[in-house]
Every structure is written in structure tokens, then in C-alpha cells.
Amino acid sequence: MWYDKKGDWSKAHEIVANASDADSAWVHAYLHRKEGDFNNAHFWYLRSGQPEFPGELSQEWEQITSVLLKKVNATHEC
């Protein structure tokens, strides 16, 4: 998500394309939605277990980032 925010869609896609977890599939779906490849996005939403996002791309970016940061923070709490 950081690379996407910095305008490097290709680097962001490269990272998630090599991952197999549900969170990466969710990011992958978002990236293909952003690209305008809605069929591919649909496939990755299914793989992620997340519903297709109905709102703006910026809203989805915020949602994904928020959820993923909460997961990271939860794993680092003592």
C-alpha cells in the first residue's frame, strides 16, 4: 500500500503477486480495481474473502491500510 500511495503501482503489484495470503489478495484486488481490470479484481476479491468495495479508491485504500496496520499493531503488543 505504501508503494501504491507513492505512485509505484508496479512495485506494489510485484510484492502482492508473489504472496499467497488473504491480505495480499485483498491488496491485489484493490490494485487491479485501480488499474481498471475489474475481472481480475473480482477474482482477487474472491481469493481474499473480502467483498468488492463499492466506494472510491481512496476510501478503499484507507480501509485496507487501517485494517492491516491494526493487525500489525496487535502482533507487536505485549
C-alpha atoms as a PDB file:
ATOM      1  CA  MET A   1       0.000   0.000   0.000  1.00  0.00           C
ATOM      2  CA  TRP A   2       2.944   2.290   0.683  1.00  0.00           C
ATOM      3  CA  TYR A   3       4.302   1.859  -2.839  1.00  0.00           C
ATOM      4  CA  ASP A   4       0.853   2.447  -4.307  1.00  0.00           C
ATOM      5  CA  LYS A   5       0.461   5.666  -2.314  1.00  0.00           C
ATOM      6  CA  LYS A   6       3.875   6.792  -3.593  1.00  0.00           C
ATOM      7  CA  GLY A   7       2.689   6.232  -7.169  1.00  0.00           C
ATOM      8  CA  ASP A   8       4.581   2.998  -7.818  1.00  0.00           C
ATOM      9  CA  TRP A   9       1.730   0.684  -8.801  1.00  0.00           C
ATOM     10  CA  SER A  10       4.154  -1.752 -10.460  1.00  0.00           C
ATOM     11  CA  LYS A  11       6.237  -2.260  -7.302  1.00  0.00           C
ATOM     12  CA  ALA A  12       3.093  -2.684  -5.183  1.00  0.00           C
ATOM     13  CA  HIS A  13       1.764  -5.251  -7.651  1.00  0.00           C
ATOM     14  CA  GLU A  14       5.093  -7.075  -7.785  1.00  0.00           C
ATOM     15  CA  ILE A  15       5.025  -7.538  -4.000  1.00  0.00           C
ATOM     16  CA  VAL A  16       1.472  -8.910  -3.756  1.00  0.00           C
ATOM     17  CA  ALA A  17       1.795 -11.024  -6.906  1.00  0.00           C
ATOM     18  CA  ASN A  18       4.407 -13.115  -5.089  1.00  0.00           C
ATOM     19  CA  ALA A  19       2.338 -13.594  -1.922  1.00  0.00           C
ATOM     20  CA  SER A  20      -0.414 -16.118  -1.240  1.00  0.00           C
ATOM     21  CA  ASP A  21      -2.158 -14.888   1.916  1.00  0.00           C
ATOM     22  CA  ALA A  22      -5.649 -13.359   2.069  1.00  0.00           C
ATOM     23  CA  ASP A  23      -4.422  -9.874   2.991  1.00  0.00           C
ATOM     24  CA  SER A  24      -2.146  -9.772  -0.042  1.00  0.00           C
ATOM     25  CA  ALA A  25      -5.026 -10.976  -2.212  1.00  0.00           C
ATOM     26  CA  TRP A  26      -7.091  -8.066  -0.880  1.00  0.00           C
ATOM     27  CA  VAL A  27      -4.379  -5.570  -1.812  1.00  0.00           C
ATOM     28  CA  HIS A  28      -4.034  -7.340  -5.168  1.00  0.00           C
ATOM     29  CA  ALA A  29      -7.782  -6.870  -5.766  1.00  0.00           C
ATOM     30  CA  TYR A  30      -7.547  -3.173  -4.932  1.00  0.00           C
ATOM     31  CA  LEU A  31      -4.590  -2.704  -7.293  1.00  0.00           C
ATOM     32  CA  HIS A  32      -6.412  -4.347 -10.191  1.00  0.00           C
ATOM     33  CA  ARG A  33      -9.509  -2.290  -9.441  1.00  0.00           C
ATOM     34  CA  LYS A  34      -7.347   0.825  -9.532  1.00  0.00           C
ATOM     35  CA  GLU A  35      -5.874  -0.355 -12.831  1.00  0.00           C
ATOM     36  CA  GLY A  36      -9.385  -0.749 -14.240  1.00  0.00           C
ATOM     37  CA  ASP A  37      -9.071  -4.529 -14.644  1.00  0.00           C
ATOM     38  CA  PHE A  38     -12.346  -5.334 -12.906  1.00  0.00           C
ATOM     39  CA  ASN A  39     -12.484  -9.022 -13.887  1.00  0.00           C
ATOM     40  CA  ASN A  40      -9.075  -9.626 -12.347  1.00  0.00           C
ATOM     41  CA  ALA A  41     -10.039  -7.525  -9.317  1.00  0.00           C
ATOM     42  CA  HIS A  42     -13.159  -9.676  -8.862  1.00  0.00           C
ATOM     43  CA  PHE A  43     -11.009 -12.826  -8.863  1.00  0.00           C
ATOM     44  CA  TRP A  44      -8.709 -11.402  -6.164  1.00  0.00           C
ATOM     45  CA  TYR A  45     -11.598 -10.176  -4.004  1.00  0.00           C
ATOM     46  CA  LEU A  46     -12.896 -13.751  -4.028  1.00  0.00           C
ATOM     47  CA  ARG A  47      -9.450 -15.089  -3.065  1.00  0.00           C
ATOM     48  CA  SER A  48      -9.191 -12.541  -0.253  1.00  0.00           C
ATOM     49  CA  GLY A  49     -12.595 -13.288   1.250  1.00  0.00           C
ATOM     50  CA  GLN A  50     -13.374  -9.563   1.153  1.00  0.00           C
ATOM     51  CA  PRO A  51     -16.384  -8.041  -0.602  1.00  0.00           C
ATOM     52  CA  GLU A  52     -15.841  -5.848  -3.630  1.00  0.00           C
ATOM     53  CA  PHE A  53     -15.531  -2.284  -2.381  1.00  0.00           C
ATOM     54  CA  PRO A  54     -18.380  -0.028  -3.569  1.00  0.00           C
ATOM     55  CA  GLY A  55     -16.776   3.333  -2.765  1.00  0.00           C
ATOM     56  CA  GLU A  56     -13.947   5.471  -4.051  1.00  0.00           C
ATOM     57  CA  LEU A  57     -10.435   4.086  -4.429  1.00  0.00           C
ATOM     58  CA  SER A  58      -9.134   6.496  -1.792  1.00  0.00           C
ATOM     59  CA  GLN A  59     -11.693   5.152   0.683  1.00  0.00           C
ATOM     60  CA  GLU A  60     -10.704   1.572  -0.047  1.00  0.00           C
ATOM     61  CA  TRP A  61      -7.023   2.466   0.360  1.00  0.00           C
ATOM     62  CA  GLU A  62      -7.826   3.922   3.786  1.00  0.00           C
ATOM     63  CA  GLN A  63      -9.851   0.863   4.803  1.00  0.00           C
ATOM     64  CA  ILE A  64      -7.241  -1.677   3.742  1.00  0.00           C
ATOM     65  CA  THR A  65      -4.405   0.287   5.294  1.00  0.00           C
ATOM     66  CA  SER A  66      -6.294   0.753   8.551  1.00  0.00           C
ATOM     67  CA  VAL A  67      -7.140  -2.941   8.871  1.00  0.00           C
ATOM     68  CA  LEU A  68      -3.615  -4.068   8.028  1.00  0.00           C
ATOM     69  CA  LEU A  69      -1.999  -1.590  10.427  1.00  0.00           C
ATOM     70  CA  LYS A  70      -4.287  -2.778  13.231  1.00  0.00           C
ATOM     71  CA  LYS A  71      -3.165  -6.349  12.559  1.00  0.00           C
ATOM     72  CA  VAL A  72       0.482  -5.336  12.665  1.00  0.00           C
ATOM     73  CA  ASN A  73      -0.003  -3.358  15.868  1.00  0.00           C
ATOM     74  CA  ALA A  74      -1.852  -6.251  17.504  1.00  0.00           C
ATOM     75  CA  THR A  75       1.024  -8.630  16.824  1.00  0.00           C
ATOM     76  CA  HIS A  76       3.507  -6.207  18.412  1.00  0.00           C
ATOM     77  CA  GLU A  77       1.571  -5.546  21.625  1.00  0.00           C
ATOM     78  CA  CYS A  78       2.819  -7.234  24.762  1.00  0.00           C
END
